[in-house]
């Protein structure tokens, strides 16, 4: 069970349900990645798991998309102790307004022939996931800026089957809830691997 909660798969290789597994989330400041967050909401990491994470952090990590050039750009992780406060959204504070830290990629294709698919707009997909994760019953969705191409997580068994894996468009999004909600909030494709992460923001003063 401990291994399953780290890998996200059971003994038969099937994915766990209910988002009980460990997630690896990227935190950005000024559009630059600054922290890699190892997070699991279902239960705290025990001593053995913490030791395993620290051992893994001692090795250089590729910061490039999987492929022939994945070893070209590597980073060294520096473990942070409890004296360093968690980033906004991971500190237990609630907020009605949230905005993208990393691009949101809809889990399902929302266009067909250049037209929006019925029931599959990004706002509808976000609302379904917000409800499914029991974050809130409804949310106002605003797309911000221009979409950008991003690399999504591809299972290892499929990594060599595609010549270009940065093939999904990511969107920066603002979310507004009717009542304050607590984070962390991460939604969409590859949300367990750094995409679709949100941060709380102050709401503008109402006139």
Protein backbone atom coordinates (compact mmCIF):
# COMPACT_ATOMS: atom_id res chain seq x y z
CA UNK A 1 0.00 0.00 0.00
CA UNK A 2 2.84 2.40 0.85
CA UNK A 3 4.38 1.87 -2.60
CA UNK A 4 0.98 2.33 -4.24
CA UNK A 5 0.47 5.67 -2.48
CA UNK A 6 3.82 6.87 -3.80
CA UNK A 7 3.52 5.62 -7.38
CA UNK A 8 -0.22 6.05 -7.88
CA UNK A 9 -0.66 2.44 -9.04
CA UNK A 10 -1.77 -0.72 -7.28
CA UNK A 11 -0.02 -4.11 -7.35
CA UNK A 12 -1.61 -4.85 -10.74
CA UNK A 13 -0.43 -1.60 -12.30
CA UNK A 14 -3.88 -0.01 -12.29
CA UNK A 15 -4.12 3.69 -11.40
CA UNK A 16 -5.42 4.53 -7.94
CA UNK A 17 -8.68 6.44 -7.74
CA UNK A 18 -9.53 9.36 -5.51
CA UNK A 19 -6.25 11.28 -5.93
CA UNK A 20 -4.63 9.39 -3.04
CA UNK A 21 -1.20 9.21 -4.64
CA UNK A 22 1.85 11.43 -4.43
CA UNK A 23 1.89 14.44 -6.74
CA UNK A 24 4.82 16.46 -8.08
CA UNK A 25 3.91 20.10 -8.53
CA UNK A 26 5.96 23.00 -9.89
CA UNK A 27 5.79 26.38 -8.17
CA UNK A 28 6.68 29.46 -10.22
CA UNK A 29 7.61 33.04 -9.35
CA UNK A 30 7.65 35.67 -12.12
CA UNK A 31 6.92 32.89 -14.64
CA UNK A 32 10.07 31.01 -13.62
CA UNK A 33 10.07 27.62 -11.83
CA UNK A 34 11.46 27.97 -8.31
CA UNK A 35 10.25 24.96 -6.33
CA UNK A 36 9.27 21.33 -6.86
CA UNK A 37 6.56 20.39 -4.38
CA UNK A 38 6.09 16.75 -3.40
CA UNK A 39 2.51 16.61 -2.16
CA UNK A 40 0.00 14.03 -1.00
CA UNK A 41 -3.29 15.10 0.51
CA UNK A 42 -4.53 11.68 1.65
CA UNK A 43 -1.95 11.28 4.45
CA UNK A 44 1.40 12.66 5.56
CA UNK A 45 4.63 11.05 4.38
CA UNK A 46 6.08 8.65 6.94
CA UNK A 47 9.76 8.56 7.89
CA UNK A 48 10.69 5.96 5.26
CA UNK A 49 8.93 7.92 2.52
CA UNK A 50 10.61 11.16 3.55
CA UNK A 51 13.99 9.44 3.45
CA UNK A 52 13.24 8.05 -0.02
CA UNK A 53 12.27 11.52 -1.26
CA UNK A 54 15.49 13.03 0.10
CA UNK A 55 17.56 10.28 -1.52
CA UNK A 56 15.81 10.92 -4.84
CA UNK A 57 16.47 14.65 -4.48
CA UNK A 58 20.21 13.97 -4.24
CA UNK A 59 20.27 13.05 -7.93
CA UNK A 60 20.20 15.53 -10.79
CA UNK A 61 16.76 15.79 -12.40
CA UNK A 62 16.04 16.44 -16.07
CA UNK A 63 14.11 19.67 -16.58
CA UNK A 64 13.41 18.96 -20.25
CA UNK A 65 10.60 17.04 -21.89
CA UNK A 66 11.14 13.33 -22.34
CA UNK A 67 13.01 12.52 -25.51
CA UNK A 68 16.47 12.30 -27.02
CA UNK A 69 17.57 15.60 -25.47
CA UNK A 70 16.13 15.01 -21.99
CA UNK A 71 19.64 14.96 -20.47
CA UNK A 72 20.63 18.33 -21.90
CA UNK A 73 19.18 20.42 -19.08
CA UNK A 74 19.37 19.09 -15.54
CA UNK A 75 18.79 20.71 -12.17
CA UNK A 76 19.87 19.88 -8.63
CA UNK A 77 17.12 19.93 -6.00
CA UNK A 78 17.83 21.54 -2.62
CA UNK A 79 15.60 20.16 0.18
CA UNK A 80 13.92 22.85 2.31
CA UNK A 81 13.16 22.43 6.00
CA UNK A 82 10.05 23.46 7.91
CA UNK A 83 11.47 26.93 8.53
CA UNK A 84 10.57 27.75 4.92
CA UNK A 85 6.84 28.50 4.73
CA UNK A 86 4.71 26.65 2.17
CA UNK A 87 3.66 28.63 -0.89
CA UNK A 88 0.21 30.23 -1.09
CA UNK A 89 -2.51 27.64 -1.54
CA UNK A 90 -0.62 25.06 0.53
CA UNK A 91 -0.86 26.95 3.82
CA UNK A 92 -4.49 26.21 4.70
CA UNK A 93 -5.72 29.72 3.92
CA UNK A 94 -8.95 30.06 1.94
CA UNK A 95 -9.81 32.41 -0.91
CA UNK A 96 -12.64 33.06 -3.34
CA UNK A 97 -10.32 34.00 -6.21
CA UNK A 98 -7.58 31.81 -7.69
CA UNK A 99 -5.32 32.16 -10.73
CA UNK A 100 -3.04 29.86 -12.70
CA UNK A 101 0.53 29.26 -11.59
CA UNK A 102 1.09 26.80 -14.43
CA UNK A 103 -1.00 26.40 -17.62
CA UNK A 104 -4.26 24.48 -17.45
CA UNK A 105 -4.69 21.79 -20.12
CA UNK A 106 -8.22 20.37 -20.47
CA UNK A 107 -8.26 16.59 -19.94
CA UNK A 108 -10.55 16.17 -22.96
CA UNK A 109 -10.26 17.83 -26.38
CA UNK A 110 -12.74 20.69 -26.39
CA UNK A 111 -12.63 21.46 -30.12
CA UNK A 112 -13.72 19.40 -33.11
CA UNK A 113 -13.18 20.82 -36.56
CA UNK A 114 -12.38 24.17 -34.97
CA UNK A 115 -15.73 24.29 -33.15
CA UNK A 116 -16.50 23.84 -29.47
CA UNK A 117 -17.77 20.37 -28.63
CA UNK A 118 -21.10 20.26 -26.81
CA UNK A 119 -20.55 19.97 -23.07
CA UNK A 120 -16.75 20.04 -23.43
CA UNK A 121 -15.86 23.72 -23.20
CA UNK A 122 -12.98 24.46 -20.86
CA UNK A 123 -15.34 26.13 -18.41
CA UNK A 124 -17.58 23.04 -18.37
CA UNK A 125 -14.63 20.69 -17.92
CA UNK A 126 -13.28 22.80 -15.07
CA UNK A 127 -16.69 22.92 -13.36
CA UNK A 128 -17.05 19.13 -13.59
CA UNK A 129 -13.62 18.58 -12.08
CA UNK A 130 -14.20 21.16 -9.33
CA UNK A 131 -17.39 19.31 -8.43
CA UNK A 132 -15.76 15.88 -8.73
CA UNK A 133 -12.93 16.89 -6.40
CA UNK A 134 -15.55 18.32 -4.01
CA UNK A 135 -13.91 21.75 -4.06
CA UNK A 136 -17.19 23.59 -4.70
CA UNK A 137 -20.50 23.16 -6.48
CA UNK A 138 -19.85 25.90 -9.02
CA UNK A 139 -17.13 28.25 -10.19
CA UNK A 140 -16.80 31.19 -12.56
CA UNK A 141 -14.08 30.58 -15.15
CA UNK A 142 -12.14 33.28 -17.02
CA UNK A 143 -9.44 32.53 -19.61
CA UNK A 144 -6.49 34.92 -19.48
CA UNK A 145 -4.01 35.76 -22.23
CA UNK A 146 -2.97 33.67 -25.21
CA UNK A 147 -2.80 29.85 -25.14
CA UNK A 148 0.68 28.31 -25.21
CA UNK A 149 1.97 24.93 -26.28
CA UNK A 150 3.03 22.78 -23.33
CA UNK A 151 4.42 19.30 -22.80
CA UNK A 152 2.07 17.00 -20.93
CA UNK A 153 2.91 13.91 -18.93
CA UNK A 154 3.28 10.83 -21.13
CA UNK A 155 3.52 7.34 -19.59
CA UNK A 156 6.98 5.82 -19.97
CA UNK A 157 5.62 3.04 -22.17
CA UNK A 158 4.40 5.65 -24.68
CA UNK A 159 7.33 8.09 -24.53
CA UNK A 160 9.08 6.68 -27.62
CA UNK A 161 5.91 6.33 -29.69
CA UNK A 162 5.43 10.04 -30.36
CA UNK A 163 7.84 12.37 -32.08
CA UNK A 164 6.49 15.52 -30.43
CA UNK A 165 4.90 15.43 -27.01
CA UNK A 166 4.49 19.16 -26.44
CA UNK A 167 1.28 18.93 -28.37
CA UNK A 168 -1.38 20.33 -26.05
CA UNK A 169 -2.40 23.93 -25.62
CA UNK A 170 -2.28 25.28 -22.10
CA UNK A 171 -4.31 28.22 -20.84
CA UNK A 172 -3.92 30.60 -17.94
CA UNK A 173 -7.17 30.74 -16.00
CA UNK A 174 -8.84 32.72 -13.22
CA UNK A 175 -11.36 31.02 -10.96
CA UNK A 176 -13.94 32.77 -8.78
CA UNK A 177 -15.98 30.90 -6.20
CA UNK A 178 -19.06 32.16 -4.37
CA UNK A 179 -17.50 31.25 -1.02
CA UNK A 180 -13.83 30.91 -0.01
CA UNK A 181 -12.23 27.52 -0.70
CA UNK A 182 -9.03 25.95 0.61
CA UNK A 183 -6.23 24.71 -1.64
CA UNK A 184 -4.23 23.28 -3.06
CA UNK A 185 -6.14 23.46 -6.34
CA UNK A 186 -4.76 21.62 -9.35
CA UNK A 187 -6.91 20.72 -12.32
CA UNK A 188 -6.78 19.20 -15.78
CA UNK A 189 -4.38 17.05 -17.76
CA UNK A 190 -1.09 16.24 -15.96
CA UNK A 191 -2.24 18.06 -12.82
CA UNK A 192 -0.34 15.51 -10.71
CA UNK A 193 2.83 16.41 -12.61
CA UNK A 194 2.89 20.20 -12.40
CA UNK A 195 0.27 21.52 -14.81
CA UNK A 196 -2.99 23.19 -13.83
CA UNK A 197 -1.79 24.51 -10.46
CA UNK A 198 -3.55 27.57 -9.00
CA UNK A 199 -2.69 30.15 -6.36
CA UNK A 200 -5.06 32.30 -4.26
CA UNK A 201 -5.25 35.99 -5.14
CA UNK A 202 -6.89 39.00 -3.57
CA UNK A 203 -10.19 39.98 -5.09
CA UNK A 204 -10.42 43.48 -6.58
CA UNK A 205 -12.43 45.96 -4.56
CA UNK A 206 -16.03 46.11 -5.69
CA UNK A 207 -17.30 49.57 -6.74
